[in-house]
């Protein structure tokens, strides 16, 4: 951890979570083409979309774009 970030600063954990969500979404989307069953394809595509939404929430948190993420 950088000496400029306090130990309680969650930015590193948020970045790690964002990366895991993004990678898992990519994996799910890649598997859609490997599945022959339409319901399973829909499940994996929906999973990828949901994970990408969570990754975006992490990016928004880091950027402080949403009122809920802004420091008071």
Protein backbone atom coordinates (compact mmCIF):
# COMPACT_ATOMS: atom_id res chain seq x y z
CA UNK A 1 0.00 0.00 0.00
CA UNK A 2 1.26 3.47 -0.85
CA UNK A 3 2.43 5.68 1.99
CA UNK A 4 0.08 8.41 0.70
CA UNK A 5 -3.00 6.27 1.39
CA UNK A 6 -4.10 5.71 4.97
CA UNK A 7 -4.54 2.07 6.03
CA UNK A 8 -8.30 2.61 6.21
CA UNK A 9 -8.48 3.89 2.61
CA UNK A 10 -10.59 1.35 0.66
CA UNK A 11 -9.48 2.42 -2.83
CA UNK A 12 -7.10 -0.50 -3.26
CA UNK A 13 -9.78 -3.01 -2.24
CA UNK A 14 -12.32 -1.33 -4.54
CA UNK A 15 -9.87 -1.53 -7.46
CA UNK A 16 -9.23 -5.21 -6.75
CA UNK A 17 -12.96 -5.93 -6.55
CA UNK A 18 -13.56 -4.03 -9.82
CA UNK A 19 -10.88 -6.08 -11.56
CA UNK A 20 -12.33 -9.37 -10.29
CA UNK A 21 -15.85 -8.39 -11.39
CA UNK A 22 -14.59 -7.36 -14.82
CA UNK A 23 -12.63 -10.58 -15.28
CA UNK A 24 -15.56 -12.75 -14.17
CA UNK A 25 -17.90 -10.88 -16.52
CA UNK A 26 -15.47 -11.44 -19.39
CA UNK A 27 -15.27 -15.14 -18.54
CA UNK A 28 -19.08 -15.47 -18.43
CA UNK A 29 -19.47 -13.66 -21.75
CA UNK A 30 -16.79 -15.82 -23.38
CA UNK A 31 -18.63 -18.94 -22.20
CA UNK A 32 -21.93 -17.86 -23.81
CA UNK A 33 -20.62 -19.04 -27.19
CA UNK A 34 -19.55 -22.38 -25.71
CA UNK A 35 -23.01 -23.19 -24.39
CA UNK A 36 -25.54 -24.86 -26.64
CA UNK A 37 -28.55 -24.36 -24.41
CA UNK A 38 -30.34 -20.99 -24.88
CA UNK A 39 -31.40 -20.63 -21.24
CA UNK A 40 -27.83 -21.17 -20.07
CA UNK A 41 -26.62 -18.65 -22.66
CA UNK A 42 -29.15 -16.12 -21.34
CA UNK A 43 -28.06 -16.81 -17.77
CA UNK A 44 -24.38 -16.25 -18.58
CA UNK A 45 -25.12 -13.10 -20.60
CA UNK A 46 -27.29 -11.71 -17.79
CA UNK A 47 -24.57 -12.55 -15.28
CA UNK A 48 -21.99 -10.71 -17.39
CA UNK A 49 -24.23 -7.64 -17.62
CA UNK A 50 -24.88 -7.60 -13.88
CA UNK A 51 -21.18 -7.94 -13.06
CA UNK A 52 -20.31 -5.16 -15.51
CA UNK A 53 -22.85 -2.95 -13.73
CA UNK A 54 -21.16 -3.67 -10.41
CA UNK A 55 -17.75 -2.93 -11.92
CA UNK A 56 -19.13 0.41 -13.15
CA UNK A 57 -20.35 1.15 -9.62
CA UNK A 58 -16.76 0.59 -8.44
CA UNK A 59 -15.45 3.00 -11.09
CA UNK A 60 -18.08 5.57 -10.11
CA UNK A 61 -17.14 5.16 -6.44
CA UNK A 62 -13.49 5.74 -7.27
CA UNK A 63 -14.34 8.80 -9.38
CA UNK A 64 -16.83 10.14 -6.83
CA UNK A 65 -19.41 10.66 -9.59
CA UNK A 66 -22.51 9.62 -7.66
CA UNK A 67 -23.77 11.69 -4.69
CA UNK A 68 -23.71 8.58 -2.50
CA UNK A 69 -19.99 8.11 -3.20
CA UNK A 70 -18.97 11.72 -2.55
CA UNK A 71 -17.12 12.50 0.65
CA UNK A 72 -18.93 14.73 3.07
